Structures are given as C-alpha cells and as structure tokens.
N, C-alpha and C. Protein backbone atom coordinates (compact mmCIF):
# COMPACT_ATOMS: atom_id res chain seq x y z
N MET A 1 3.49 6.44 -17.60
CA MET A 1 2.00 5.87 -16.32
C MET A 1 2.42 4.73 -16.74
N ASN A 2 3.01 3.11 -17.25
CA ASN A 2 2.49 1.96 -17.60
C ASN A 2 1.16 1.78 -17.54
N ARG A 3 0.61 1.55 -18.16
CA ARG A 3 -1.12 0.75 -18.05
C ARG A 3 -1.14 -0.41 -18.44
N GLY A 4 -0.32 -1.40 -18.89
CA GLY A 4 -0.98 -2.85 -19.32
C GLY A 4 -1.65 -3.23 -18.37
N ARG A 5 -2.03 -4.11 -18.39
CA ARG A 5 -3.07 -5.48 -18.28
C ARG A 5 -2.10 -6.75 -17.89
N LYS A 6 -2.55 -7.24 -16.86
CA LYS A 6 -1.81 -9.01 -16.30
C LYS A 6 -3.19 -9.79 -17.57
N GLY A 7 -2.73 -10.02 -18.25
CA GLY A 7 -3.38 -11.07 -18.70
C GLY A 7 -5.34 -10.63 -19.38
N LEU A 8 -6.59 -10.83 -19.42
CA LEU A 8 -7.50 -10.51 -19.74
C LEU A 8 -8.37 -9.58 -18.17
N ARG A 9 -7.42 -10.41 -17.19
CA ARG A 9 -8.71 -9.50 -16.01
C ARG A 9 -8.76 -8.22 -16.09
N GLU A 10 -9.43 -7.84 -15.38
CA GLU A 10 -9.40 -5.54 -14.99
C GLU A 10 -8.20 -5.28 -14.64
N ALA A 11 -8.00 -4.39 -14.78
CA ALA A 11 -6.70 -3.45 -14.49
C ALA A 11 -6.56 -3.26 -12.77
N VAL A 12 -5.45 -3.46 -12.37
CA VAL A 12 -5.10 -3.27 -10.49
C VAL A 12 -4.46 -2.49 -10.71
N ALA A 13 -3.83 -0.71 -9.82
CA ALA A 13 -3.18 0.35 -9.54
C ALA A 13 -2.16 -0.43 -8.19
N GLY A 14 -1.31 0.25 -7.91
CA GLY A 14 -0.89 -0.51 -6.27
C GLY A 14 -1.31 1.06 -5.24
N ILE A 15 -2.12 1.16 -4.57
CA ILE A 15 -0.96 2.89 -4.24
C ILE A 15 -0.42 2.80 -2.69
N VAL A 16 1.23 2.94 -2.73
CA VAL A 16 2.12 2.37 -1.82
C VAL A 16 2.01 4.30 -0.62
N LEU A 17 1.40 4.40 0.40
CA LEU A 17 1.44 5.58 1.40
C LEU A 17 2.60 5.79 2.00
N ALA A 18 3.29 6.98 1.45
CA ALA A 18 3.88 7.26 2.51
C ALA A 18 4.77 8.12 2.36
N ALA A 19 3.78 9.92 2.30
CA ALA A 19 3.74 10.59 2.87
C ALA A 19 3.61 11.08 4.46
N GLY A 20 4.00 10.40 4.86
CA GLY A 20 4.36 10.67 6.64
C GLY A 20 5.79 11.16 6.70
N ALA A 21 4.74 11.74 8.27
CA ALA A 21 6.03 12.88 8.88
C ALA A 21 6.96 12.13 9.74
N SER A 22 6.45 10.35 10.57
CA SER A 22 6.92 10.11 10.77
C SER A 22 7.20 10.04 12.66
N SER A 23 6.12 10.57 12.88
CA SER A 23 6.34 11.98 14.53
C SER A 23 6.44 10.97 15.56
N ARG A 24 6.37 9.63 15.48
CA ARG A 24 6.47 9.08 16.75
C ARG A 24 7.92 7.88 16.45
N MET A 25 8.39 7.37 15.00
CA MET A 25 9.92 6.95 15.26
C MET A 25 10.95 8.23 16.06
N GLY A 26 10.73 9.74 14.62
CA GLY A 26 11.74 10.88 15.51
C GLY A 26 12.97 11.12 14.13
N SER A 27 12.30 10.12 12.84
CA SER A 27 12.89 10.53 12.31
C SER A 27 12.29 9.72 10.92
N PRO A 28 12.27 10.31 9.45
CA PRO A 28 11.80 9.33 8.53
C PRO A 28 11.96 7.80 8.79
N LYS A 29 10.28 7.26 8.87
CA LYS A 29 10.74 5.55 8.38
C LYS A 29 11.14 5.10 7.20
N GLN A 30 10.80 5.53 6.45
CA GLN A 30 10.09 5.60 5.03
C GLN A 30 12.45 5.32 4.45
N LEU A 31 13.13 5.87 5.42
CA LEU A 31 14.44 5.79 4.15
C LEU A 31 15.56 4.87 5.71
N LEU A 32 14.49 4.29 7.31
CA LEU A 32 15.49 3.68 7.57
C LEU A 32 15.54 2.17 6.66
N GLY A 33 17.01 2.03 7.19
CA GLY A 33 17.49 0.68 6.92
C GLY A 33 16.69 -1.25 6.99
N PHE A 34 16.39 -1.79 5.91
CA PHE A 34 15.71 -3.06 6.00
C PHE A 34 16.27 -3.78 5.78
N GLY A 35 17.31 -4.83 5.40
CA GLY A 35 18.35 -5.57 5.10
C GLY A 35 19.35 -5.31 3.75
N LYS A 36 19.09 -5.68 2.74
CA LYS A 36 20.37 -4.32 1.69
C LYS A 36 19.42 -3.05 1.29
N THR A 37 18.10 -2.91 1.09
CA THR A 37 17.16 -1.59 0.87
C THR A 37 16.83 -0.30 2.35
N THR A 38 15.62 -0.30 2.29
CA THR A 38 14.63 0.69 2.93
C THR A 38 13.91 0.08 3.43
N LEU A 39 13.01 0.97 4.34
CA LEU A 39 11.91 0.00 4.84
C LEU A 39 10.53 0.29 3.25
N LEU A 40 10.74 1.68 2.96
CA LEU A 40 9.77 1.92 1.70
C LEU A 40 10.35 0.93 0.61
N GLY A 41 11.33 0.90 0.49
CA GLY A 41 12.35 0.26 -0.82
C GLY A 41 11.72 -1.08 -0.79
N ARG A 42 11.73 -1.93 0.30
CA ARG A 42 11.82 -3.17 0.72
C ARG A 42 9.99 -3.48 -0.02
N VAL A 43 8.84 -2.44 0.27
CA VAL A 43 7.12 -2.47 0.43
C VAL A 43 7.28 -2.43 -1.90
N LEU A 44 8.17 -1.40 -1.61
CA LEU A 44 7.91 -1.31 -3.97
C LEU A 44 7.69 -2.59 -4.56
N ASN A 45 9.30 -3.01 -4.01
CA ASN A 45 10.54 -3.77 -4.37
C ASN A 45 9.03 -5.36 -4.90
N GLU A 46 8.41 -5.51 -3.44
CA GLU A 46 7.79 -7.00 -3.36
C GLU A 46 5.86 -6.00 -4.28
N ALA A 47 5.40 -4.99 -4.19
CA ALA A 47 4.68 -4.30 -5.23
C ALA A 47 5.33 -4.21 -6.81
N LEU A 48 6.58 -4.15 -7.06
CA LEU A 48 6.37 -4.03 -8.16
C LEU A 48 6.57 -5.57 -9.00
N SER A 49 7.25 -5.98 -8.22
CA SER A 49 7.45 -8.27 -8.39
C SER A 49 6.06 -8.46 -8.37
N SER A 50 5.01 -8.09 -8.22
CA SER A 50 3.53 -8.56 -8.26
C SER A 50 2.67 -8.86 -9.52
N GLU A 51 1.63 -8.55 -9.08
CA GLU A 51 0.57 -8.71 -10.50
C GLU A 51 -0.06 -7.41 -10.93
N LEU A 52 0.82 -6.61 -9.71
CA LEU A 52 -0.48 -5.64 -9.61
C LEU A 52 0.61 -4.76 -11.23
N ASP A 53 -0.83 -4.38 -11.63
CA ASP A 53 -0.45 -3.33 -13.06
C ASP A 53 0.41 -2.36 -12.93
N SER A 54 0.52 -1.68 -12.42
CA SER A 54 0.90 -0.37 -11.92
C SER A 54 1.39 0.16 -10.79
N VAL A 55 2.56 0.89 -9.93
CA VAL A 55 2.38 1.10 -8.87
C VAL A 55 2.65 2.62 -8.61
N VAL A 56 1.85 3.11 -7.35
CA VAL A 56 1.87 4.79 -7.54
C VAL A 56 2.30 4.54 -5.66
N VAL A 57 3.59 5.43 -5.92
CA VAL A 57 4.10 5.73 -4.31
C VAL A 57 3.56 7.10 -4.35
N VAL A 58 3.12 7.38 -3.04
CA VAL A 58 2.67 9.09 -2.98
C VAL A 58 3.72 9.36 -1.48
N LEU A 59 4.21 10.42 -1.37
CA LEU A 59 5.07 11.40 -1.24
C LEU A 59 4.93 11.87 -0.61
N GLY A 60 5.51 12.87 1.45
CA GLY A 60 4.98 14.40 1.17
C GLY A 60 5.56 14.90 2.10
N TYR A 61 5.84 14.95 3.41
CA TYR A 61 7.15 14.89 4.50
C TYR A 61 8.40 14.71 3.12
N MET A 62 9.29 15.23 3.97
CA MET A 62 11.09 14.49 3.05
C MET A 62 11.02 14.26 1.67
N ALA A 63 9.90 14.59 0.57
CA ALA A 63 9.70 13.66 -0.44
C ALA A 63 10.66 13.96 -1.56
N GLU A 64 11.96 15.07 -1.44
CA GLU A 64 13.11 14.87 -2.19
C GLU A 64 13.74 13.61 -1.84
N GLU A 65 14.59 14.06 0.17
CA GLU A 65 14.54 13.44 0.37
C GLU A 65 14.17 11.51 -0.25
N ILE A 66 13.51 11.39 0.10
CA ILE A 66 12.63 9.86 0.38
C ILE A 66 12.82 9.68 -1.22
N ALA A 67 12.28 10.70 -2.44
CA ALA A 67 12.51 9.53 -3.65
C ALA A 67 13.33 9.25 -4.05
N ALA A 68 14.83 10.75 -3.93
CA ALA A 68 16.16 10.21 -3.80
C ALA A 68 16.58 8.50 -3.47
N SER A 69 15.69 8.43 -2.66
CA SER A 69 16.76 7.19 -1.91
C SER A 69 16.09 6.15 -2.74
N LEU A 70 14.62 6.15 -4.20
CA LEU A 70 14.52 5.32 -4.08
C LEU A 70 15.66 4.99 -5.60
N GLU A 71 16.08 5.28 -5.66
CA GLU A 71 17.10 5.15 -6.68
C GLU A 71 16.97 4.40 -7.91
N ASP A 72 17.51 2.74 -8.33
CA ASP A 72 16.87 2.79 -9.74
C ASP A 72 15.77 2.22 -10.20
N LEU A 73 15.39 1.63 -8.36
CA LEU A 73 13.12 1.62 -8.27
C LEU A 73 12.47 2.78 -9.27
N ALA A 74 13.37 4.13 -9.32
CA ALA A 74 12.40 5.18 -9.85
C ALA A 74 12.05 4.61 -11.18
N SER A 75 13.27 4.07 -12.10
CA SER A 75 13.55 4.64 -13.39
C SER A 75 12.53 2.65 -14.09
N ASN A 76 11.24 2.52 -13.20
CA ASN A 76 10.62 1.23 -13.29
C ASN A 76 9.79 1.76 -14.08
N PRO A 77 9.34 1.40 -15.20
CA PRO A 77 8.23 1.99 -16.09
C PRO A 77 6.41 1.80 -15.40
N ARG A 78 6.68 1.01 -14.62
CA ARG A 78 5.82 0.68 -13.66
C ARG A 78 5.50 1.43 -12.53
N LEU A 79 6.20 2.31 -12.29
CA LEU A 79 6.47 2.99 -11.08
C LEU A 79 6.03 4.09 -10.78
N SER A 80 5.17 4.91 -10.22
CA SER A 80 4.54 6.11 -10.10
C SER A 80 5.17 7.56 -9.07
N VAL A 81 5.71 8.43 -9.32
CA VAL A 81 6.39 9.00 -7.91
C VAL A 81 5.36 10.61 -7.39
N LEU A 82 4.69 10.15 -6.90
CA LEU A 82 4.06 11.10 -7.14
C LEU A 82 4.13 12.13 -5.14
N LEU A 83 3.68 13.18 -5.15
CA LEU A 83 3.57 14.48 -3.98
C LEU A 83 2.39 14.79 -3.79
N ASN A 84 1.79 14.67 -2.61
CA ASN A 84 0.57 14.95 -1.25
C ASN A 84 0.99 16.13 -0.79
N LYS A 85 0.56 17.35 -1.14
CA LYS A 85 1.04 18.65 -0.47
C LYS A 85 0.49 18.69 0.80
N ASP A 86 -0.74 18.17 0.43
CA ASP A 86 -1.82 17.80 1.38
C ASP A 86 -1.03 17.00 2.84
N TYR A 87 0.26 16.11 3.35
CA TYR A 87 0.45 15.22 3.08
C TYR A 87 -0.52 15.45 4.94
N GLU A 88 -0.46 16.81 5.30
CA GLU A 88 -0.53 17.01 6.74
C GLU A 88 -1.98 16.48 7.05
N LYS A 89 -2.53 16.67 6.26
CA LYS A 89 -4.37 16.27 6.63
C LYS A 89 -4.80 14.84 7.08
N GLY A 90 -3.72 14.27 7.02
CA GLY A 90 -4.00 12.74 6.69
C GLY A 90 -4.15 11.26 5.81
N LEU A 91 -3.86 10.51 6.71
CA LEU A 91 -3.90 9.71 5.59
C LEU A 91 -4.38 9.13 4.71
N SER A 92 -6.23 10.08 5.37
CA SER A 92 -6.77 9.61 3.70
C SER A 92 -6.33 10.84 2.78
N SER A 93 -5.75 11.86 2.90
CA SER A 93 -5.25 12.87 1.95
C SER A 93 -4.33 11.97 0.53
N SER A 94 -3.64 11.16 0.95
CA SER A 94 -3.26 10.33 0.11
C SER A 94 -3.33 9.51 0.40
N ILE A 95 -4.70 8.68 0.02
CA ILE A 95 -5.37 7.68 -0.68
C ILE A 95 -5.82 8.82 -2.18
N LYS A 96 -6.24 10.20 -1.30
CA LYS A 96 -7.40 10.45 -2.35
C LYS A 96 -6.35 10.72 -3.91
N ALA A 97 -5.43 11.10 -2.87
CA ALA A 97 -3.96 11.92 -4.44
C ALA A 97 -3.65 10.24 -5.18
N GLY A 98 -3.28 9.48 -4.66
CA GLY A 98 -3.17 8.64 -5.21
C GLY A 98 -4.83 8.28 -6.31
N LEU A 99 -5.21 7.79 -5.26
CA LEU A 99 -6.23 7.53 -6.84
C LEU A 99 -6.83 8.64 -7.39
N ALA A 100 -6.65 9.71 -7.36
CA ALA A 100 -7.02 10.89 -8.46
C ALA A 100 -6.15 11.14 -9.58
N PHE A 101 -4.84 10.13 -9.38
CA PHE A 101 -3.87 9.88 -10.32
C PHE A 101 -4.16 8.75 -11.34
N VAL A 102 -4.90 7.41 -10.04
CA VAL A 102 -4.90 6.55 -11.29
C VAL A 102 -6.24 5.77 -11.60
N GLU A 103 -7.25 7.14 -11.77
CA GLU A 103 -8.96 6.47 -10.99
C GLU A 103 -9.50 6.63 -12.65
N ARG A 104 -8.50 7.28 -13.68
CA ARG A 104 -9.13 7.06 -14.96
C ARG A 104 -9.68 5.45 -15.77
N ASP A 105 -8.02 5.39 -15.46
CA ASP A 105 -7.33 3.85 -16.34
C ASP A 105 -7.57 2.38 -15.77
N TYR A 106 -7.69 2.37 -13.98
CA TYR A 106 -7.78 1.60 -13.42
C TYR A 106 -8.78 0.80 -12.56
N ASP A 107 -9.52 -0.58 -12.81
CA ASP A 107 -11.16 -0.19 -12.44
C ASP A 107 -10.74 -0.81 -10.66
N HIS A 108 -9.75 -1.14 -9.98
CA HIS A 108 -9.57 -0.74 -8.68
C HIS A 108 -8.23 -0.77 -8.41
N VAL A 109 -8.12 -0.42 -6.76
CA VAL A 109 -7.13 0.21 -6.52
C VAL A 109 -6.82 -0.62 -5.04
N MET A 110 -5.53 -1.54 -5.11
CA MET A 110 -4.94 -2.10 -3.96
C MET A 110 -4.12 -1.08 -2.69
N ILE A 111 -4.00 -0.42 -1.86
CA ILE A 111 -3.45 0.47 -1.18
C ILE A 111 -2.46 -0.50 0.31
N LEU A 112 -0.98 -0.47 -0.01
CA LEU A 112 -0.31 -0.63 0.68
C LEU A 112 0.15 0.20 1.63
N LEU A 113 0.99 -0.34 2.91
CA LEU A 113 1.92 1.34 3.58
C LEU A 113 2.56 0.96 3.87
N ALA A 114 3.95 1.36 3.32
CA ALA A 114 4.84 1.32 3.67
C ALA A 114 5.44 1.56 4.39
N ASP A 115 4.86 1.32 5.81
CA ASP A 115 5.82 0.88 7.44
C ASP A 115 6.23 -0.80 6.95
N MET A 116 5.05 -1.65 6.49
CA MET A 116 4.62 -2.85 6.62
C MET A 116 5.73 -3.88 5.92
N PRO A 117 6.87 -4.51 6.38
CA PRO A 117 7.66 -4.37 5.78
C PRO A 117 7.77 -5.96 5.74
N PHE A 118 6.51 -6.45 5.92
CA PHE A 118 6.26 -7.73 5.59
C PHE A 118 5.25 -8.59 4.82
N ILE A 119 4.82 -7.15 4.31
CA ILE A 119 3.94 -7.58 2.62
C ILE A 119 5.00 -8.02 1.64
N SER A 120 4.46 -8.69 0.75
CA SER A 120 5.44 -9.54 0.09
C SER A 120 4.58 -9.52 -1.14
N ARG A 121 4.56 -10.16 -2.14
CA ARG A 121 4.47 -9.96 -3.71
C ARG A 121 3.47 -11.53 -3.74
N SER A 122 3.81 -12.67 -2.76
CA SER A 122 2.84 -13.60 -3.18
C SER A 122 1.35 -13.04 -2.26
N ILE A 123 1.21 -12.47 -1.24
CA ILE A 123 0.12 -11.92 -0.50
C ILE A 123 -0.29 -11.15 -1.02
N ILE A 124 0.27 -10.14 -1.80
CA ILE A 124 -0.40 -9.30 -2.83
C ILE A 124 -1.35 -9.84 -4.70
N ASN A 125 -0.47 -11.28 -4.87
CA ASN A 125 -0.39 -11.71 -5.80
C ASN A 125 -2.33 -12.53 -4.95
N ARG A 126 -2.02 -13.58 -4.00
CA ARG A 126 -3.56 -13.89 -3.87
C ARG A 126 -4.12 -12.76 -3.10
N LEU A 127 -4.10 -11.96 -2.87
CA LEU A 127 -4.98 -11.01 -2.16
C LEU A 127 -5.85 -10.59 -4.06
N ILE A 128 -5.13 -10.51 -5.40
CA ILE A 128 -5.70 -9.63 -6.63
C ILE A 128 -6.68 -11.12 -7.19
N SER A 129 -5.72 -12.45 -6.68
CA SER A 129 -6.32 -13.38 -7.44
C SER A 129 -8.00 -14.34 -6.68
N ASN A 130 -7.66 -14.03 -5.23
CA ASN A 130 -9.24 -14.20 -4.79
C ASN A 130 -10.20 -13.45 -4.28
N TYR A 131 -9.97 -11.77 -4.56
CA TYR A 131 -10.17 -11.04 -4.93
C TYR A 131 -11.00 -11.48 -6.52
N MET A 132 -10.72 -10.97 -7.24
CA MET A 132 -11.09 -10.90 -8.60
C MET A 132 -12.19 -12.38 -8.58
N VAL A 133 -11.87 -13.30 -8.25
CA VAL A 133 -13.12 -14.33 -8.78
C VAL A 133 -13.78 -14.25 -7.64
N SER A 134 -14.18 -13.22 -6.41
CA SER A 134 -14.81 -13.41 -5.30
C SER A 134 -16.29 -12.38 -5.68
N GLY A 135 -15.83 -11.41 -6.87
CA GLY A 135 -17.11 -10.70 -7.18
C GLY A 135 -17.32 -9.54 -5.90
N LEU A 136 -16.89 -9.86 -5.17
CA LEU A 136 -17.23 -8.08 -4.31
C LEU A 136 -16.34 -7.72 -4.12
N PRO A 137 -16.81 -6.34 -3.33
CA PRO A 137 -15.93 -4.86 -4.65
C PRO A 137 -14.85 -4.05 -3.70
N LEU A 138 -15.00 -5.34 -1.61
CA LEU A 138 -13.95 -4.43 -1.09
C LEU A 138 -12.96 -6.44 -1.64
N GLY A 139 -11.88 -5.71 -0.62
CA GLY A 139 -10.99 -7.67 -0.17
C GLY A 139 -9.83 -6.88 0.93
N ALA A 140 -9.70 -8.56 1.78
CA ALA A 140 -8.49 -7.78 2.86
C ALA A 140 -7.78 -8.60 2.71
N VAL A 141 -6.80 -8.84 3.62
CA VAL A 141 -5.72 -9.66 4.09
C VAL A 141 -6.15 -9.61 5.65
N ASN A 142 -6.48 -11.52 5.62
CA ASN A 142 -7.18 -12.39 6.78
C ASN A 142 -5.76 -12.22 7.22
N ALA A 143 -5.76 -11.78 9.12
CA ALA A 143 -3.91 -11.64 9.80
C ALA A 143 -4.99 -12.65 11.12
N GLY A 144 -4.94 -13.75 11.37
CA GLY A 144 -5.61 -13.70 12.47
C GLY A 144 -6.60 -13.76 12.36
N GLY A 145 -7.47 -13.97 11.87
CA GLY A 145 -8.72 -13.37 11.61
C GLY A 145 -8.71 -11.50 11.98
N ARG A 146 -8.36 -11.06 11.95
CA ARG A 146 -8.30 -9.93 11.66
C ARG A 146 -7.94 -9.05 10.45
N ARG A 147 -9.33 -7.98 10.07
CA ARG A 147 -8.68 -7.77 8.39
C ARG A 147 -7.63 -6.59 8.30
N SER A 148 -6.92 -7.53 7.63
CA SER A 148 -5.30 -6.27 7.29
C SER A 148 -4.94 -5.72 5.85
N HIS A 149 -3.49 -4.64 6.25
CA HIS A 149 -3.07 -4.22 4.69
C HIS A 149 -2.55 -5.42 4.36
N PRO A 150 -2.14 -5.31 2.71
CA PRO A 150 -3.10 -5.14 1.55
C PRO A 150 -4.42 -5.02 1.93
N VAL A 151 -4.57 -3.74 1.04
CA VAL A 151 -6.63 -3.94 1.09
C VAL A 151 -7.18 -3.24 -0.73
N ILE A 152 -8.23 -4.16 -1.58
CA ILE A 152 -8.38 -3.49 -2.58
C ILE A 152 -9.69 -3.18 -2.13
N LEU A 153 -9.94 -2.11 -3.05
CA LEU A 153 -11.39 -1.53 -3.56
C LEU A 153 -12.19 -1.15 -4.99
N SER A 154 -12.82 -1.88 -4.83
CA SER A 154 -13.37 -2.15 -6.53
C SER A 154 -13.35 -0.27 -7.14
N ARG A 155 -14.18 -0.10 -8.63
CA ARG A 155 -13.94 1.72 -9.09
C ARG A 155 -15.15 1.45 -8.66
N CYS A 156 -16.14 1.02 -7.89
CA CYS A 156 -17.98 1.60 -7.49
C CYS A 156 -17.44 1.73 -6.78
N LEU A 157 -16.92 2.10 -5.41
CA LEU A 157 -16.71 2.35 -4.32
C LEU A 157 -15.64 4.06 -4.31
N TYR A 158 -15.17 4.49 -5.54
CA TYR A 158 -14.39 5.19 -6.21
C TYR A 158 -14.71 6.42 -5.70
N PRO A 159 -16.06 6.46 -5.19
CA PRO A 159 -16.27 8.47 -5.06
C PRO A 159 -17.11 8.57 -3.96
N GLU A 160 -16.81 7.16 -2.71
CA GLU A 160 -16.63 6.96 -1.19
C GLU A 160 -15.27 7.25 -0.86
N ILE A 161 -14.25 6.43 -1.48
CA ILE A 161 -12.33 6.61 -1.08
C ILE A 161 -12.85 8.37 -1.94
N ALA A 162 -13.44 8.86 -2.57
CA ALA A 162 -13.01 10.54 -2.52
C ALA A 162 -13.55 11.37 -1.86
N ARG A 163 -13.78 10.59 -1.01
CA ARG A 163 -14.74 11.35 -0.02
C ARG A 163 -14.56 11.07 2.21
N LEU A 164 -13.00 10.65 1.55
CA LEU A 164 -12.65 10.16 3.39
C LEU A 164 -11.90 11.95 3.93
N GLU A 165 -11.50 10.96 4.79
CA GLU A 165 -11.12 12.90 5.94
C GLU A 165 -10.18 11.59 6.81
N GLY A 166 -9.56 12.80 7.51
CA GLY A 166 -8.65 12.38 8.29
C GLY A 166 -7.35 11.68 8.27
N ASP A 167 -6.72 10.92 9.28
CA ASP A 167 -5.91 9.73 9.15
C ASP A 167 -7.11 8.13 9.80
N LYS A 168 -8.16 8.12 9.30
CA LYS A 168 -8.27 6.71 9.46
C LYS A 168 -8.24 5.73 7.87
N GLY A 169 -7.95 6.69 7.62
CA GLY A 169 -7.91 5.76 5.94
C GLY A 169 -9.46 4.85 5.63
N ALA A 170 -9.29 4.52 5.02
CA ALA A 170 -10.44 3.32 4.53
C ALA A 170 -11.01 2.46 5.38
N ARG A 171 -11.02 2.94 6.67
CA ARG A 171 -11.98 2.13 7.62
C ARG A 171 -13.06 1.69 7.37
N GLY A 172 -13.45 2.98 8.02
CA GLY A 172 -15.36 3.01 7.64
C GLY A 172 -15.98 2.48 6.43
N ILE A 173 -15.12 2.17 5.58
CA ILE A 173 -15.51 1.85 3.97
C ILE A 173 -16.32 0.38 4.53
N PHE A 174 -15.19 -0.02 4.43
CA PHE A 174 -14.36 -1.72 5.30
C PHE A 174 -15.15 -1.49 6.46
N ALA A 175 -15.63 -0.90 7.34
CA ALA A 175 -16.80 -1.43 8.57
C ALA A 175 -19.13 -1.33 7.91
N PHE A 176 -18.37 -0.22 6.98
CA PHE A 176 -20.26 -0.29 6.76
C PHE A 176 -20.42 -1.38 5.66
N TYR A 177 -19.73 -1.42 4.85
CA TYR A 177 -19.79 -2.85 3.79
C TYR A 177 -19.31 -3.97 3.76
N LYS A 178 -19.36 -4.14 5.55
CA LYS A 178 -18.29 -5.50 5.79
C LYS A 178 -18.91 -7.22 5.59
N ASP A 179 -19.92 -6.36 5.49
CA ASP A 179 -21.03 -7.82 4.23
C ASP A 179 -20.34 -8.26 3.40
N ARG A 180 -19.76 -7.23 2.36
CA ARG A 180 -19.40 -7.26 1.13
C ARG A 180 -17.89 -6.96 1.04
N VAL A 181 -16.67 -8.06 1.79
CA VAL A 181 -15.86 -7.71 1.85
C VAL A 181 -15.32 -9.46 1.64
N CYS A 182 -13.86 -9.50 1.27
CA CYS A 182 -13.76 -11.06 0.26
C CYS A 182 -12.42 -10.97 1.56
N MET A 183 -12.46 -11.74 2.16
CA MET A 183 -11.16 -11.55 3.26
C MET A 183 -10.33 -13.46 2.90
N VAL A 184 -8.79 -12.65 2.50
CA VAL A 184 -8.37 -13.88 1.94
C VAL A 184 -7.09 -14.08 3.09
N ASP A 185 -7.19 -15.17 3.17
CA ASP A 185 -6.15 -15.94 3.88
C ASP A 185 -4.68 -16.47 3.53
N THR A 186 -4.08 -16.43 3.88
CA THR A 186 -2.52 -16.21 3.37
C THR A 186 -1.94 -17.59 2.89
N ASP A 187 -0.82 -18.06 1.86
CA ASP A 187 -0.70 -19.72 2.79
C ASP A 187 0.31 -19.78 3.29
N THR A 188 1.14 -18.65 4.20
CA THR A 188 2.27 -18.76 4.93
C THR A 188 1.52 -17.75 6.14
N PRO A 189 2.04 -18.37 7.69
CA PRO A 189 1.85 -17.03 8.37
C PRO A 189 2.10 -15.53 8.07
N PHE A 190 0.45 -14.14 8.33
CA PHE A 190 1.78 -13.61 8.02
C PHE A 190 1.78 -12.74 8.88
N GLU A 191 2.85 -12.08 8.86
CA GLU A 191 3.31 -10.95 9.99
C GLU A 191 2.70 -9.91 9.53
N ASP A 192 1.52 -8.97 10.02
CA ASP A 192 1.24 -8.10 9.83
C ASP A 192 1.39 -6.61 10.91
N ARG A 193 2.53 -6.46 11.77
CA ARG A 193 2.96 -5.77 11.75
C ARG A 193 3.20 -4.33 11.05
N ASP A 194 3.36 -2.79 11.63
CA ASP A 194 3.60 -1.93 10.96
C ASP A 194 4.94 -1.33 12.54
N ILE A 195 5.25 -0.47 11.23
CA ILE A 195 6.57 0.07 11.85
C ILE A 195 6.31 1.53 12.47
N ASP A 196 6.20 2.13 13.85
CA ASP A 196 6.41 2.89 14.03
C ASP A 196 6.44 4.44 14.92
N THR A 197 7.59 3.27 16.21
CA THR A 197 8.30 3.27 17.13
C THR A 197 10.55 3.42 16.76
N PRO A 198 10.49 3.72 17.59
CA PRO A 198 12.24 2.90 17.78
C PRO A 198 12.27 1.72 18.08
N SER A 199 11.84 1.20 19.10
CA SER A 199 11.27 0.15 19.59
C SER A 199 10.80 -1.12 18.63
N GLU A 200 10.31 -0.42 18.48
CA GLU A 200 9.29 -1.51 17.48
C GLU A 200 10.72 -1.77 16.31
N TYR A 201 11.23 -0.37 15.86
CA TYR A 201 12.02 -0.93 14.38
C TYR A 201 13.32 -1.53 15.15
N GLU A 202 13.81 -1.50 16.38
CA GLU A 202 14.43 -2.62 16.88
C GLU A 202 14.45 -4.11 17.23
N ALA A 203 13.28 -4.27 17.30
CA ALA A 203 11.83 -5.01 17.53
C ALA A 203 12.15 -6.00 15.91
N LEU A 204 12.17 -5.69 15.08
CA LEU A 204 11.52 -6.09 13.86
C LEU A 204 13.36 -6.49 12.88
N ILE A 205 14.44 -5.18 13.46
CA ILE A 205 16.19 -5.73 13.14
C ILE A 205 16.26 -7.20 13.57
N LYS A 206 15.65 -6.99 14.54
CA LYS A 206 15.85 -9.08 15.46
C LYS A 206 15.45 -8.96 14.54
N VAL A 207 14.81 -9.75 14.45
CA VAL A 207 13.75 -10.81 13.85
C VAL A 207 14.05 -11.23 12.64
N ALA A 208 14.90 -9.48 11.80
CA ALA A 208 15.44 -10.09 10.43
C ALA A 208 16.50 -10.49 10.35
N THR A 209 17.16 -10.15 11.95
CA THR A 209 18.78 -10.78 11.13
C THR A 209 18.99 -12.04 12.82
N ASP A 210 17.53 -12.83 12.99
CA ASP A 210 18.17 -13.96 14.10
C ASP A 210 18.34 -14.74 12.88
C-alpha cells in the first residue's frame, strides 16, 4: 500500500464502499456500464486521479467478479482491494473494514460511494483542501443545502467510526457533531444522485448520452 503524502499536509485515505448486494437493482451495480468503464470504475478512476494519498475499495458480494472487472486499475500502486466478509451486516461493516486497514498510517479518511458516478476528482480535491484549512474534524459536500458524499473524518473520530453498526454509515456521527462539519460548496452544480434501481440506471444512461 502506497503511503506517500501530498506535500506537507496530513495523509488522507479514500475508502470506496462497493460491497453491497445491489438487491434493488437485481444485479451487481458495481459492474453496470457507464461510458467506457463501470459505475465502480468511474468512481475509482476519479479517486485515483485526485489528491487522495491512497484508495481502498471494499468489496463483498461477488467480490471475485468485481475485482476482476477492475483490470488495469488493480495494478495502480495507490489502490488496495479489500474483502469485507461481513458485508451482509450493512454499510457500517465496510466502513469499519476500510478504517481498520488504513488507520495506522492515515490521519483522515474520505468515504466515497461506488454508486455515485458524478463524484469527480475536482470535488474530492476541493473537499480535501477546504476541510484541511478549516481545522474541523468533519467535512462533507454541500449539494444544494444538503450534506452529501463524499465525506471526510479526522483521526479523533476513528473510535466512533469503529462503533458504527447497520446500514446508516456515519450519519449519526455527522448529526451529533453537526456544528463541527466543514460544508464544502462545489465549483459547479453537483449531481449527487446514487443509482439503486433499474429505472435510476436508465435515467443515468439517458443523461450521460444526451
């Protein structure tokens, strides 16, 4: 795992959550095509092109097939592929698995969702830079007045992340420390949709090809 830092700032690891069974989609949405890659490939490409110091993708359901789909991405020295055997316990289990993998060497973690194809390297970089300057322990993207992914958390909150349970992820942490969140505006309108159903995927493809 590459542990290089960008300049003199504290290191940030990206944790891409891609372990779910896609029950509402009916097939693994991580493998759905989007442009010249897949939904997961799109997010990983942007993360690996950003200022994140390393990226961990957490797999679970159909992990072998999804890992095989990563092709050239898997050889990137900044990318680690992690298996979460407890993925059926919910989103929090993948966050905790990713954190356990990086917490020794990284002072901050950014959580990214594999089914949000409009996350871009510029949004990731803007979140990192504004969050670092703020000195706050939490950061999130401001999408039309709503807190949205990706989100970033400081080492001081790692013990609370380790206690997460179920499918709600880090929402409770952000709600409890709502006055300690750096909300970051994007330089262009951010489409923060996630893709859960066949109709949402069809709408995504229509938007992408219009």
